């Protein structure tokens, strides 16, 4: 099972933490009104909770649930406990598996960062449908990941990261904004938009669950 080794889980989770803080700040700038109104966030495969903690620090009404493997959640809880400004009371961790565990319902936002490119295409469909069902009507979905352009001719660094995931993940797909939007719409979302998060490396695709 993924990250059943506690030391391996800690090494990866601690290393990944800083890679979530920057794009979380970009997300806060991209949709301040949506996040300002949101009260609940489900962070699927959220690792250390870097995304959730950064957003909770920016938006005081936001309460986040980070769903990840149990050994990963242990590390995330340590980050939350020493967060500054402190948000450990509003960022909670839920040990489980983002592809198997039942999601909390009536969420205002569901975030999937750095996970779509790490699972198979079939699991992408399953996870997006689960995200749809977890959201309240009018809720927002956010997919953040390494993505190449729809033309698949770059950016080079994003392509290199994507190749790494393709090599190690059976059934993985090369993510593009068009592909992610298509799969989100197939799950029921509408009004999908794309924004650059880390220039030359990651993008975000945002969608809405119809009212």
N, C-alpha and C. Protein backbone atom coordinates (compact mmCIF):
# COMPACT_ATOMS: atom_id res chain seq x y z
N UNK A 1 0.85 -1.20 0.00
CA UNK A 1 0.00 0.00 0.00
C UNK A 1 0.88 1.24 0.00
N UNK A 2 0.41 2.28 -0.71
CA UNK A 2 1.15 3.53 -0.79
C UNK A 2 1.44 4.08 0.60
N UNK A 3 2.71 4.42 0.82
CA UNK A 3 3.16 5.08 2.05
C UNK A 3 2.83 4.30 3.31
N UNK A 4 2.82 2.97 3.20
CA UNK A 4 2.66 2.15 4.40
C UNK A 4 3.92 2.22 5.25
N UNK A 5 5.05 2.55 4.61
CA UNK A 5 6.31 2.75 5.33
C UNK A 5 6.31 4.17 5.90
N UNK A 6 6.36 4.28 7.22
CA UNK A 6 6.24 5.59 7.87
C UNK A 6 7.37 6.54 7.51
N UNK A 7 8.60 6.03 7.42
CA UNK A 7 9.74 6.87 7.09
C UNK A 7 9.63 7.40 5.66
N UNK A 8 9.21 6.54 4.75
CA UNK A 8 9.04 6.95 3.35
C UNK A 8 7.96 8.02 3.23
N UNK A 9 6.86 7.80 3.96
CA UNK A 9 5.76 8.77 3.93
C UNK A 9 6.22 10.12 4.46
N UNK A 10 6.98 10.11 5.53
CA UNK A 10 7.46 11.36 6.12
C UNK A 10 8.40 12.10 5.17
N UNK A 11 9.34 11.39 4.57
CA UNK A 11 10.29 12.01 3.66
C UNK A 11 9.59 12.69 2.50
N UNK A 12 8.66 11.97 1.88
CA UNK A 12 7.96 12.53 0.72
C UNK A 12 7.07 13.71 1.13
N UNK A 13 6.35 13.55 2.22
CA UNK A 13 5.40 14.58 2.64
C UNK A 13 6.10 15.86 3.04
N UNK A 14 7.19 15.74 3.78
CA UNK A 14 7.94 16.93 4.18
C UNK A 14 8.56 17.62 2.97
N UNK A 15 9.02 16.83 2.01
CA UNK A 15 9.64 17.40 0.80
C UNK A 15 8.61 18.12 -0.06
N UNK A 16 7.39 17.60 -0.07
CA UNK A 16 6.34 18.15 -0.92
C UNK A 16 5.71 19.42 -0.34
N UNK A 17 5.86 19.64 0.95
CA UNK A 17 5.13 20.71 1.62
C UNK A 17 5.35 22.08 0.96
N UNK A 18 6.59 22.45 0.75
CA UNK A 18 6.87 23.78 0.20
C UNK A 18 6.37 23.91 -1.23
N UNK A 19 6.23 22.78 -1.94
CA UNK A 19 5.73 22.83 -3.31
C UNK A 19 4.24 23.11 -3.39
N UNK A 20 3.56 23.10 -2.25
CA UNK A 20 2.13 23.41 -2.23
C UNK A 20 1.84 24.83 -1.80
N UNK A 21 2.74 25.42 -1.03
CA UNK A 21 2.49 26.76 -0.48
C UNK A 21 2.41 27.81 -1.58
N UNK A 22 3.36 27.78 -2.53
CA UNK A 22 3.37 28.77 -3.61
C UNK A 22 2.12 28.75 -4.46
N UNK A 23 1.75 27.58 -5.01
CA UNK A 23 0.53 27.55 -5.82
C UNK A 23 -0.74 27.84 -5.02
N UNK A 24 -0.72 27.55 -3.72
CA UNK A 24 -1.88 27.89 -2.90
C UNK A 24 -2.07 29.41 -2.85
N UNK A 25 -0.97 30.12 -2.77
CA UNK A 25 -1.05 31.58 -2.80
C UNK A 25 -1.56 32.07 -4.15
N UNK A 26 -1.16 31.39 -5.22
CA UNK A 26 -1.64 31.74 -6.56
C UNK A 26 -3.14 31.50 -6.66
N UNK A 27 -3.60 30.39 -6.07
CA UNK A 27 -5.03 30.10 -6.08
C UNK A 27 -5.81 31.15 -5.31
N UNK A 28 -5.26 31.59 -4.18
CA UNK A 28 -5.92 32.63 -3.39
C UNK A 28 -6.08 33.92 -4.18
N UNK A 29 -5.07 34.23 -4.99
CA UNK A 29 -5.15 35.43 -5.84
C UNK A 29 -6.10 35.23 -7.01
N UNK A 30 -6.23 34.00 -7.48
CA UNK A 30 -7.05 33.72 -8.67
C UNK A 30 -8.54 33.76 -8.37
N UNK A 31 -8.93 33.35 -7.17
CA UNK A 31 -10.37 33.33 -6.86
C UNK A 31 -10.65 33.80 -5.44
N UNK A 32 -10.32 35.05 -5.14
CA UNK A 32 -10.53 35.56 -3.78
C UNK A 32 -11.99 35.60 -3.36
N UNK A 33 -12.89 35.89 -4.29
CA UNK A 33 -14.31 35.99 -3.93
C UNK A 33 -14.88 34.62 -3.58
N UNK A 34 -14.55 33.61 -4.39
CA UNK A 34 -15.04 32.25 -4.15
C UNK A 34 -14.52 31.72 -2.82
N UNK A 35 -13.22 31.88 -2.59
CA UNK A 35 -12.63 31.39 -1.35
C UNK A 35 -13.09 32.21 -0.15
N UNK A 36 -13.34 33.48 -0.37
CA UNK A 36 -13.82 34.33 0.72
C UNK A 36 -15.18 33.92 1.22
N UNK A 37 -15.98 33.32 0.34
CA UNK A 37 -17.33 32.89 0.71
C UNK A 37 -17.37 31.43 1.18
N UNK A 38 -16.35 30.65 0.82
CA UNK A 38 -16.33 29.22 1.15
C UNK A 38 -16.11 29.01 2.64
N UNK A 39 -16.83 28.06 3.19
CA UNK A 39 -16.67 27.70 4.59
C UNK A 39 -16.04 26.31 4.75
N UNK A 40 -16.21 25.44 3.74
CA UNK A 40 -15.68 24.09 3.83
C UNK A 40 -14.89 23.75 2.57
N UNK A 41 -13.74 23.11 2.79
CA UNK A 41 -12.86 22.68 1.70
C UNK A 41 -12.45 21.24 1.94
N UNK A 42 -12.59 20.40 0.93
CA UNK A 42 -12.10 19.03 0.98
C UNK A 42 -10.88 18.95 0.09
N UNK A 43 -9.75 18.61 0.68
CA UNK A 43 -8.45 18.57 0.01
C UNK A 43 -8.06 17.11 -0.21
N UNK A 44 -8.32 16.59 -1.40
CA UNK A 44 -8.11 15.17 -1.69
C UNK A 44 -6.64 14.90 -1.99
N UNK A 45 -6.05 13.95 -1.29
CA UNK A 45 -4.64 13.67 -1.47
C UNK A 45 -3.80 14.87 -1.09
N UNK A 46 -4.22 15.59 -0.06
CA UNK A 46 -3.64 16.88 0.28
C UNK A 46 -2.31 16.84 1.00
N UNK A 47 -1.77 15.64 1.24
CA UNK A 47 -0.43 15.53 1.82
C UNK A 47 -0.27 16.23 3.15
N UNK A 48 0.72 17.11 3.21
CA UNK A 48 1.03 17.84 4.45
C UNK A 48 -0.04 18.85 4.84
N UNK A 49 -0.96 19.11 3.91
CA UNK A 49 -1.95 20.16 4.17
C UNK A 49 -1.45 21.54 3.83
N UNK A 50 -0.32 21.61 3.10
CA UNK A 50 0.25 22.90 2.75
C UNK A 50 -0.72 23.81 2.02
N UNK A 51 -1.47 23.24 1.08
CA UNK A 51 -2.48 24.02 0.34
C UNK A 51 -3.56 24.52 1.30
N UNK A 52 -4.11 23.59 2.07
CA UNK A 52 -5.22 23.93 2.97
C UNK A 52 -4.82 24.93 4.03
N UNK A 53 -3.63 24.76 4.61
CA UNK A 53 -3.19 25.68 5.65
C UNK A 53 -2.96 27.08 5.10
N UNK A 54 -2.36 27.16 3.93
CA UNK A 54 -2.11 28.46 3.32
C UNK A 54 -3.42 29.18 3.03
N UNK A 55 -4.41 28.44 2.51
CA UNK A 55 -5.71 29.05 2.22
C UNK A 55 -6.45 29.43 3.50
N UNK A 56 -6.35 28.58 4.52
CA UNK A 56 -7.02 28.89 5.78
C UNK A 56 -6.43 30.13 6.45
N UNK A 57 -5.12 30.32 6.29
CA UNK A 57 -4.47 31.52 6.84
C UNK A 57 -4.94 32.79 6.13
N UNK A 58 -5.25 32.65 4.85
CA UNK A 58 -5.69 33.80 4.06
C UNK A 58 -7.18 34.07 4.24
N UNK A 59 -7.97 33.01 4.43
CA UNK A 59 -9.43 33.16 4.50
C UNK A 59 -9.92 32.59 5.85
N UNK A 60 -10.19 33.45 6.82
CA UNK A 60 -10.48 33.02 8.20
C UNK A 60 -11.78 32.25 8.38
N UNK A 61 -12.67 32.27 7.39
CA UNK A 61 -13.93 31.51 7.52
C UNK A 61 -13.82 30.10 6.97
N UNK A 62 -12.66 29.75 6.42
CA UNK A 62 -12.48 28.47 5.74
C UNK A 62 -12.05 27.36 6.70
N UNK A 63 -12.74 26.24 6.64
CA UNK A 63 -12.39 25.05 7.40
C UNK A 63 -12.10 23.93 6.41
N UNK A 64 -10.94 23.29 6.54
CA UNK A 64 -10.50 22.31 5.56
C UNK A 64 -10.37 20.92 6.16
N UNK A 65 -10.67 19.92 5.32
CA UNK A 65 -10.44 18.52 5.65
C UNK A 65 -9.48 17.96 4.63
N UNK A 66 -8.34 17.47 5.09
CA UNK A 66 -7.32 16.90 4.22
C UNK A 66 -7.43 15.38 4.28
N UNK A 67 -7.73 14.76 3.13
CA UNK A 67 -7.85 13.31 3.06
C UNK A 67 -6.60 12.73 2.41
N UNK A 68 -5.88 11.90 3.16
CA UNK A 68 -4.69 11.26 2.61
C UNK A 68 -4.40 10.00 3.42
N UNK A 69 -3.34 9.28 3.03
CA UNK A 69 -2.97 8.06 3.73
C UNK A 69 -2.64 8.37 5.19
N UNK A 70 -2.93 7.43 6.11
CA UNK A 70 -2.73 7.69 7.54
C UNK A 70 -1.33 8.17 7.91
N UNK A 71 -0.28 7.55 7.35
CA UNK A 71 1.08 7.97 7.69
C UNK A 71 1.39 9.38 7.18
N UNK A 72 0.75 9.76 6.10
CA UNK A 72 0.91 11.12 5.58
C UNK A 72 0.20 12.12 6.50
N UNK A 73 -0.99 11.74 6.96
CA UNK A 73 -1.75 12.62 7.84
C UNK A 73 -1.01 12.91 9.15
N UNK A 74 -0.27 11.94 9.64
CA UNK A 74 0.50 12.15 10.87
C UNK A 74 1.48 13.31 10.69
N UNK A 75 2.13 13.35 9.53
CA UNK A 75 3.08 14.43 9.26
C UNK A 75 2.34 15.75 9.09
N UNK A 76 1.22 15.71 8.40
CA UNK A 76 0.42 16.92 8.20
C UNK A 76 -0.05 17.52 9.50
N UNK A 77 -0.43 16.67 10.44
CA UNK A 77 -0.89 17.17 11.74
C UNK A 77 0.23 17.90 12.47
N UNK A 78 1.47 17.45 12.26
CA UNK A 78 2.61 18.13 12.87
C UNK A 78 2.81 19.51 12.25
N UNK A 79 2.66 19.60 10.94
CA UNK A 79 2.76 20.91 10.27
C UNK A 79 1.65 21.83 10.76
N UNK A 80 0.44 21.31 10.89
CA UNK A 80 -0.69 22.14 11.33
C UNK A 80 -0.49 22.64 12.76
N UNK A 81 0.08 21.79 13.59
CA UNK A 81 0.28 22.15 15.00
C UNK A 81 1.24 23.31 15.17
N UNK A 82 2.17 23.45 14.24
CA UNK A 82 3.15 24.53 14.35
C UNK A 82 2.94 25.62 13.29
N UNK A 83 1.76 25.61 12.68
CA UNK A 83 1.46 26.62 11.65
C UNK A 83 1.46 28.02 12.26
N UNK A 84 1.91 28.97 11.46
CA UNK A 84 1.98 30.36 11.91
C UNK A 84 1.59 31.28 10.76
N UNK A 85 0.48 32.01 10.84
CA UNK A 85 -0.50 32.00 11.92
C UNK A 85 -1.13 30.60 12.12
N UNK A 86 -1.54 30.31 13.32
CA UNK A 86 -2.04 28.99 13.67
C UNK A 86 -3.40 28.72 13.05
N UNK A 87 -3.52 27.59 12.34
CA UNK A 87 -4.80 27.20 11.74
C UNK A 87 -5.10 25.72 12.02
N UNK A 88 -4.39 25.16 13.00
CA UNK A 88 -4.59 23.75 13.32
C UNK A 88 -6.00 23.42 13.77
N UNK A 89 -6.74 24.42 14.24
CA UNK A 89 -8.12 24.18 14.66
C UNK A 89 -9.08 24.20 13.48
N UNK A 90 -8.62 24.64 12.31
CA UNK A 90 -9.48 24.71 11.13
C UNK A 90 -9.01 23.84 9.97
N UNK A 91 -7.89 23.16 10.13
CA UNK A 91 -7.40 22.22 9.13
C UNK A 91 -7.28 20.85 9.80
N UNK A 92 -8.18 19.96 9.45
CA UNK A 92 -8.22 18.64 10.05
C UNK A 92 -7.80 17.58 9.03
N UNK A 93 -7.30 16.46 9.53
CA UNK A 93 -6.80 15.40 8.67
C UNK A 93 -7.64 14.14 8.82
N UNK A 94 -7.87 13.49 7.69
CA UNK A 94 -8.71 12.30 7.63
C UNK A 94 -7.92 11.18 6.96
N UNK A 95 -7.48 10.22 7.75
CA UNK A 95 -6.70 9.12 7.20
C UNK A 95 -7.55 8.20 6.34
N UNK A 96 -7.07 7.88 5.16
CA UNK A 96 -7.83 7.02 4.27
C UNK A 96 -7.16 6.91 2.92
N UNK A 97 -7.96 6.76 1.89
CA UNK A 97 -7.49 6.63 0.53
C UNK A 97 -8.43 7.43 -0.36
N UNK A 98 -7.92 8.39 -1.09
CA UNK A 98 -8.76 9.29 -1.89
C UNK A 98 -9.54 8.56 -2.97
N UNK A 99 -9.15 7.33 -3.29
CA UNK A 99 -9.87 6.56 -4.30
C UNK A 99 -10.85 5.56 -3.70
N UNK A 100 -10.83 5.41 -2.38
CA UNK A 100 -11.67 4.40 -1.74
C UNK A 100 -12.54 4.95 -0.61
N UNK A 101 -12.02 5.91 0.14
CA UNK A 101 -12.73 6.43 1.31
C UNK A 101 -13.92 7.28 0.88
N UNK A 102 -15.03 7.14 1.59
CA UNK A 102 -16.20 7.96 1.30
C UNK A 102 -15.91 9.42 1.68
N UNK A 103 -16.22 10.33 0.77
CA UNK A 103 -15.92 11.74 1.00
C UNK A 103 -16.99 12.41 1.87
N UNK A 104 -16.58 13.36 2.71
CA UNK A 104 -17.56 14.19 3.41
C UNK A 104 -18.40 14.96 2.39
N UNK A 105 -19.66 15.15 2.69
CA UNK A 105 -20.59 15.78 1.75
C UNK A 105 -20.79 17.27 2.06
N UNK A 106 -21.53 17.95 1.16
CA UNK A 106 -21.92 19.35 1.30
C UNK A 106 -20.73 20.29 1.41
N UNK A 107 -19.68 20.00 0.65
CA UNK A 107 -18.49 20.84 0.64
C UNK A 107 -18.69 22.06 -0.26
N UNK A 108 -18.10 23.17 0.11
CA UNK A 108 -18.13 24.37 -0.74
C UNK A 108 -17.08 24.29 -1.85
N UNK A 109 -15.98 23.58 -1.56
CA UNK A 109 -14.91 23.45 -2.55
C UNK A 109 -14.23 22.10 -2.38
N UNK A 110 -13.86 21.49 -3.50
CA UNK A 110 -13.03 20.28 -3.49
C UNK A 110 -11.76 20.60 -4.28
N UNK A 111 -10.62 20.34 -3.64
CA UNK A 111 -9.32 20.59 -4.25
C UNK A 111 -8.61 19.27 -4.51
N UNK A 112 -8.05 19.14 -5.72
CA UNK A 112 -7.22 17.98 -6.07
C UNK A 112 -5.92 18.51 -6.64
N UNK A 113 -4.88 18.54 -5.82
CA UNK A 113 -3.60 19.09 -6.24
C UNK A 113 -2.56 17.97 -6.31
N UNK A 114 -1.86 17.91 -7.42
CA UNK A 114 -0.79 16.92 -7.62
C UNK A 114 -1.27 15.49 -7.43
N UNK A 115 -2.51 15.20 -7.80
CA UNK A 115 -3.00 13.82 -7.66
C UNK A 115 -3.52 13.25 -8.98
N UNK A 116 -4.08 14.09 -9.84
CA UNK A 116 -4.65 13.58 -11.10
C UNK A 116 -3.61 12.92 -11.98
N UNK A 117 -2.37 13.44 -11.94
CA UNK A 117 -1.31 12.88 -12.77
C UNK A 117 -0.64 11.68 -12.14
N UNK A 118 -1.04 11.34 -10.91
CA UNK A 118 -0.42 10.24 -10.18
C UNK A 118 -1.30 9.01 -10.09
N UNK A 119 -2.44 9.03 -10.79
CA UNK A 119 -3.35 7.89 -10.80
C UNK A 119 -3.73 7.57 -12.23
N UNK A 120 -4.40 6.46 -12.43
CA UNK A 120 -4.78 6.05 -13.78
C UNK A 120 -5.92 6.91 -14.33
N UNK A 121 -6.09 6.87 -15.64
CA UNK A 121 -7.19 7.61 -16.25
C UNK A 121 -8.54 7.17 -15.74
N UNK A 122 -8.71 5.88 -15.49
CA UNK A 122 -9.97 5.39 -14.94
C UNK A 122 -10.21 5.95 -13.54
N UNK A 123 -9.14 6.04 -12.75
CA UNK A 123 -9.28 6.57 -11.39
C UNK A 123 -9.53 8.08 -11.40
N UNK A 124 -9.01 8.77 -12.42
CA UNK A 124 -9.32 10.20 -12.58
C UNK A 124 -10.83 10.38 -12.71
N UNK A 125 -11.44 9.59 -13.57
CA UNK A 125 -12.89 9.68 -13.76
C UNK A 125 -13.63 9.42 -12.45
N UNK A 126 -13.20 8.38 -11.73
CA UNK A 126 -13.84 8.01 -10.47
C UNK A 126 -13.70 9.13 -9.44
N UNK A 127 -12.51 9.71 -9.34
CA UNK A 127 -12.27 10.75 -8.35
C UNK A 127 -13.05 12.02 -8.68
N UNK A 128 -13.11 12.40 -9.94
CA UNK A 128 -13.85 13.60 -10.33
C UNK A 128 -15.34 13.43 -10.05
N UNK A 129 -15.85 12.23 -10.28
CA UNK A 129 -17.27 11.98 -9.99
C UNK A 129 -17.52 12.03 -8.49
N UNK A 130 -16.58 11.49 -7.71
CA UNK A 130 -16.71 11.57 -6.26
C UNK A 130 -16.66 13.00 -5.76
N UNK A 131 -15.81 13.82 -6.39
CA UNK A 131 -15.73 15.23 -6.02
C UNK A 131 -17.05 15.94 -6.31
N UNK A 132 -17.65 15.60 -7.43
CA UNK A 132 -18.95 16.19 -7.81
C UNK A 132 -20.00 15.87 -6.75
N UNK A 133 -20.02 14.62 -6.33
CA UNK A 133 -21.03 14.20 -5.35
C UNK A 133 -20.77 14.79 -3.97
N UNK A 134 -19.51 15.12 -3.67
CA UNK A 134 -19.18 15.70 -2.36
C UNK A 134 -19.55 17.17 -2.25
N UNK A 135 -19.68 17.85 -3.38
CA UNK A 135 -19.94 19.28 -3.37
C UNK A 135 -21.42 19.60 -3.21
N UNK A 136 -21.68 20.71 -2.58
CA UNK A 136 -23.04 21.25 -2.57
C UNK A 136 -23.33 21.83 -3.94
N UNK A 137 -24.61 22.00 -4.33
CA UNK A 137 -24.92 22.68 -5.59
C UNK A 137 -24.30 24.08 -5.61
N UNK A 138 -23.63 24.42 -6.70
CA UNK A 138 -22.95 25.71 -6.81
C UNK A 138 -21.52 25.68 -6.29
N UNK A 139 -21.08 24.53 -5.76
CA UNK A 139 -19.72 24.40 -5.24
C UNK A 139 -18.67 24.40 -6.34
N UNK A 140 -17.43 24.60 -5.94
CA UNK A 140 -16.32 24.76 -6.88
C UNK A 140 -15.33 23.60 -6.77
N UNK A 141 -14.88 23.12 -7.92
CA UNK A 141 -13.84 22.11 -7.97
C UNK A 141 -12.57 22.75 -8.52
N UNK A 142 -11.42 22.37 -7.95
CA UNK A 142 -10.12 22.88 -8.40
C UNK A 142 -9.20 21.70 -8.64
N UNK A 143 -8.66 21.60 -9.84
CA UNK A 143 -7.65 20.59 -10.17
C UNK A 143 -6.35 21.32 -10.46
N UNK A 144 -5.34 21.06 -9.66
CA UNK A 144 -4.03 21.68 -9.84
C UNK A 144 -3.00 20.59 -10.06
N UNK A 145 -2.20 20.73 -11.13
CA UNK A 145 -1.24 19.67 -11.42
C UNK A 145 -0.25 20.13 -12.48
N UNK A 146 0.76 19.27 -12.70
CA UNK A 146 1.67 19.47 -13.82
C UNK A 146 0.88 19.22 -15.10
N UNK A 147 0.81 20.22 -15.97
CA UNK A 147 0.06 20.08 -17.22
C UNK A 147 0.84 20.67 -18.37
N UNK A 148 0.74 20.00 -19.53
CA UNK A 148 1.28 20.56 -20.77
C UNK A 148 0.14 21.22 -21.52
N UNK A 149 0.49 22.04 -22.50
CA UNK A 149 -0.54 22.69 -23.30
C UNK A 149 -1.34 21.65 -24.10
N UNK A 150 -2.52 22.04 -24.54
CA UNK A 150 -3.35 21.12 -25.31
C UNK A 150 -2.66 20.65 -26.59
N UNK A 151 -1.75 21.47 -27.11
CA UNK A 151 -0.99 21.10 -28.31
C UNK A 151 0.11 20.09 -28.00
N UNK A 152 0.39 19.88 -26.71
CA UNK A 152 1.39 18.93 -26.21
C UNK A 152 2.81 19.25 -26.71
N UNK A 153 3.09 20.52 -26.94
CA UNK A 153 4.44 20.91 -27.37
C UNK A 153 5.18 21.69 -26.28
N UNK A 154 4.77 21.54 -25.05
CA UNK A 154 5.42 22.21 -23.93
C UNK A 154 4.40 22.60 -22.88
N UNK A 155 4.87 23.26 -21.83
CA UNK A 155 6.24 23.66 -21.52
C UNK A 155 7.15 22.46 -21.21
N UNK A 156 8.46 22.58 -21.49
CA UNK A 156 9.37 21.45 -21.32
C UNK A 156 9.43 20.90 -19.90
N UNK A 157 9.49 21.78 -18.89
CA UNK A 157 9.61 21.30 -17.52
C UNK A 157 8.36 20.56 -17.07
N UNK A 158 7.20 21.07 -17.46
CA UNK A 158 5.95 20.38 -17.12
C UNK A 158 5.91 19.01 -17.79
N UNK A 159 6.41 18.94 -19.02
CA UNK A 159 6.43 17.67 -19.74
C UNK A 159 7.34 16.66 -19.05
N UNK A 160 8.47 17.12 -18.52
CA UNK A 160 9.39 16.22 -17.83
C UNK A 160 8.75 15.64 -16.56
N UNK A 161 8.08 16.49 -15.81
CA UNK A 161 7.41 16.01 -14.61
C UNK A 161 6.30 15.02 -14.98
N UNK A 162 5.57 15.34 -16.05
CA UNK A 162 4.49 14.45 -16.48
C UNK A 162 5.04 13.09 -16.90
N UNK A 163 6.19 13.08 -17.59
CA UNK A 163 6.80 11.83 -18.03
C UNK A 163 7.16 10.95 -16.84
N UNK A 164 7.63 11.57 -15.77
CA UNK A 164 7.98 10.81 -14.57
C UNK A 164 6.77 10.05 -14.05
N UNK A 165 5.61 10.73 -13.99
CA UNK A 165 4.40 10.08 -13.51
C UNK A 165 3.92 9.00 -14.49
N UNK A 166 4.06 9.24 -15.77
CA UNK A 166 3.63 8.26 -16.77
C UNK A 166 4.44 6.97 -16.66
N UNK A 167 5.71 7.12 -16.34
CA UNK A 167 6.59 5.95 -16.25
C UNK A 167 6.22 5.08 -15.04
N UNK A 168 5.90 5.69 -13.92
CA UNK A 168 5.70 4.95 -12.68
C UNK A 168 4.25 4.62 -12.35
N UNK A 169 3.30 5.16 -13.12
CA UNK A 169 1.89 4.95 -12.79
C UNK A 169 1.18 4.20 -13.92
N UNK A 170 0.80 2.95 -13.69
CA UNK A 170 0.08 2.19 -14.73
C UNK A 170 -1.22 2.89 -15.12
N UNK A 171 -1.43 3.08 -16.41
CA UNK A 171 -2.68 3.68 -16.88
C UNK A 171 -2.75 5.18 -16.74
N UNK A 172 -1.64 5.82 -16.36
CA UNK A 172 -1.64 7.27 -16.19
C UNK A 172 -1.83 7.97 -17.53
N UNK A 173 -2.31 9.20 -17.46
CA UNK A 173 -2.55 9.98 -18.68
C UNK A 173 -1.74 11.28 -18.61
N UNK A 174 -1.43 11.82 -19.76
CA UNK A 174 -0.74 13.11 -19.84
C UNK A 174 -1.78 14.21 -19.69
N UNK A 175 -1.66 14.99 -18.63
CA UNK A 175 -2.67 16.00 -18.33
C UNK A 175 -2.50 17.24 -19.19
N UNK A 176 -3.61 17.72 -19.74
CA UNK A 176 -3.70 19.01 -20.41
C UNK A 176 -4.94 19.71 -19.87
N UNK A 177 -5.01 21.04 -20.00
CA UNK A 177 -6.23 21.73 -19.56
C UNK A 177 -7.48 21.19 -20.25
N UNK A 178 -7.35 20.87 -21.54
CA UNK A 178 -8.50 20.36 -22.29
C UNK A 178 -8.96 19.01 -21.76
N UNK A 179 -8.01 18.14 -21.49
CA UNK A 179 -8.36 16.81 -20.97
C UNK A 179 -9.04 16.92 -19.61
N UNK A 180 -8.46 17.72 -18.71
CA UNK A 180 -9.04 17.86 -17.37
C UNK A 180 -10.43 18.47 -17.45
N UNK A 181 -10.59 19.50 -18.28
CA UNK A 181 -11.91 20.12 -18.44
C UNK A 181 -12.92 19.12 -18.98
N UNK A 182 -12.50 18.32 -19.94
CA UNK A 182 -13.38 17.31 -20.53
C UNK A 182 -13.85 16.30 -19.50
N UNK A 183 -12.92 15.83 -18.66
CA UNK A 183 -13.28 14.84 -17.65
C UNK A 183 -14.13 15.46 -16.54
N UNK A 184 -13.87 16.70 -16.19
CA UNK A 184 -14.71 17.37 -15.20
C UNK A 184 -16.14 17.55 -15.73
N UNK A 185 -16.26 17.94 -16.99
CA UNK A 185 -17.58 18.11 -17.59
C UNK A 185 -18.31 16.78 -17.69
N UNK A 186 -17.57 15.70 -17.97
CA UNK A 186 -18.18 14.38 -18.03
C UNK A 186 -18.72 13.96 -16.67
N UNK A 187 -18.08 14.46 -15.60
CA UNK A 187 -18.53 14.16 -14.24
C UNK A 187 -19.72 15.03 -13.82
N UNK A 188 -20.03 16.06 -14.62
CA UNK A 188 -21.18 16.90 -14.33
C UNK A 188 -20.88 18.37 -14.11
N UNK A 189 -19.59 18.74 -14.05
CA UNK A 189 -19.23 20.13 -13.81
C UNK A 189 -19.45 20.99 -15.06
N UNK A 190 -19.52 22.30 -14.85
CA UNK A 190 -19.70 23.22 -15.96
C UNK A 190 -18.82 24.46 -15.73
N UNK A 191 -18.78 25.32 -16.77
CA UNK A 191 -18.06 26.59 -16.70
C UNK A 191 -16.60 26.42 -16.31
N UNK A 192 -15.90 25.43 -16.93
CA UNK A 192 -14.51 25.17 -16.59
C UNK A 192 -13.58 26.24 -17.16
N UNK A 193 -12.67 26.70 -16.34
CA UNK A 193 -11.69 27.71 -16.74
C UNK A 193 -10.30 27.25 -16.33
N UNK A 194 -9.29 27.80 -16.99
CA UNK A 194 -7.90 27.42 -16.72
C UNK A 194 -7.07 28.64 -16.35
N UNK A 195 -6.14 28.45 -15.42
CA UNK A 195 -5.22 29.52 -15.04
C UNK A 195 -3.83 28.92 -14.77
N UNK A 196 -2.81 29.69 -15.09
CA UNK A 196 -1.44 29.27 -14.77
C UNK A 196 -1.21 29.46 -13.27
N UNK A 197 -0.61 28.45 -12.65
CA UNK A 197 -0.32 28.51 -11.22
C UNK A 197 1.17 28.73 -10.97
N UNK A 198 2.00 27.80 -11.44
CA UNK A 198 3.45 27.99 -11.43
C UNK A 198 3.86 28.11 -12.89
N UNK A 199 4.26 29.30 -13.35
CA UNK A 199 4.56 29.50 -14.78
C UNK A 199 5.52 28.44 -15.33
N UNK A 200 5.13 27.84 -16.45
CA UNK A 200 5.96 26.86 -17.10
C UNK A 200 5.93 25.49 -16.46
N UNK A 201 5.08 25.31 -15.43
CA UNK A 201 5.10 24.04 -14.71
C UNK A 201 3.72 23.49 -14.37
N UNK A 202 2.90 24.28 -13.67
CA UNK A 202 1.59 23.77 -13.27
C UNK A 202 0.47 24.72 -13.69
N UNK A 203 -0.72 24.14 -13.81
CA UNK A 203 -1.93 24.89 -14.14
C UNK A 203 -3.06 24.46 -13.23
N UNK A 204 -4.07 25.30 -13.15
CA UNK A 204 -5.27 24.98 -12.40
C UNK A 204 -6.47 25.02 -13.32
N UNK A 205 -7.35 24.06 -13.16
CA UNK A 205 -8.62 24.04 -13.89
C UNK A 205 -9.73 24.12 -12.86
N UNK A 206 -10.64 25.08 -13.03
CA UNK A 206 -11.71 25.32 -12.07
C UNK A 206 -13.06 25.05 -12.73
N UNK A 207 -13.97 24.43 -11.99
CA UNK A 207 -15.31 24.16 -12.51
C UNK A 207 -16.36 24.35 -11.42
N UNK A 208 -17.61 24.37 -11.84
CA UNK A 208 -18.72 24.58 -10.92
C UNK A 208 -19.71 23.41 -11.00
N UNK A 209 -20.25 23.05 -9.85
CA UNK A 209 -21.38 22.11 -9.84
C UNK A 209 -22.65 22.92 -10.04
N UNK A 210 -23.49 22.55 -11.00
CA UNK A 210 -24.69 23.35 -11.26
C UNK A 210 -25.59 23.48 -10.04
N UNK A 211 -26.28 24.60 -9.97
CA UNK A 211 -27.23 24.82 -8.87
C UNK A 211 -28.45 23.92 -9.03
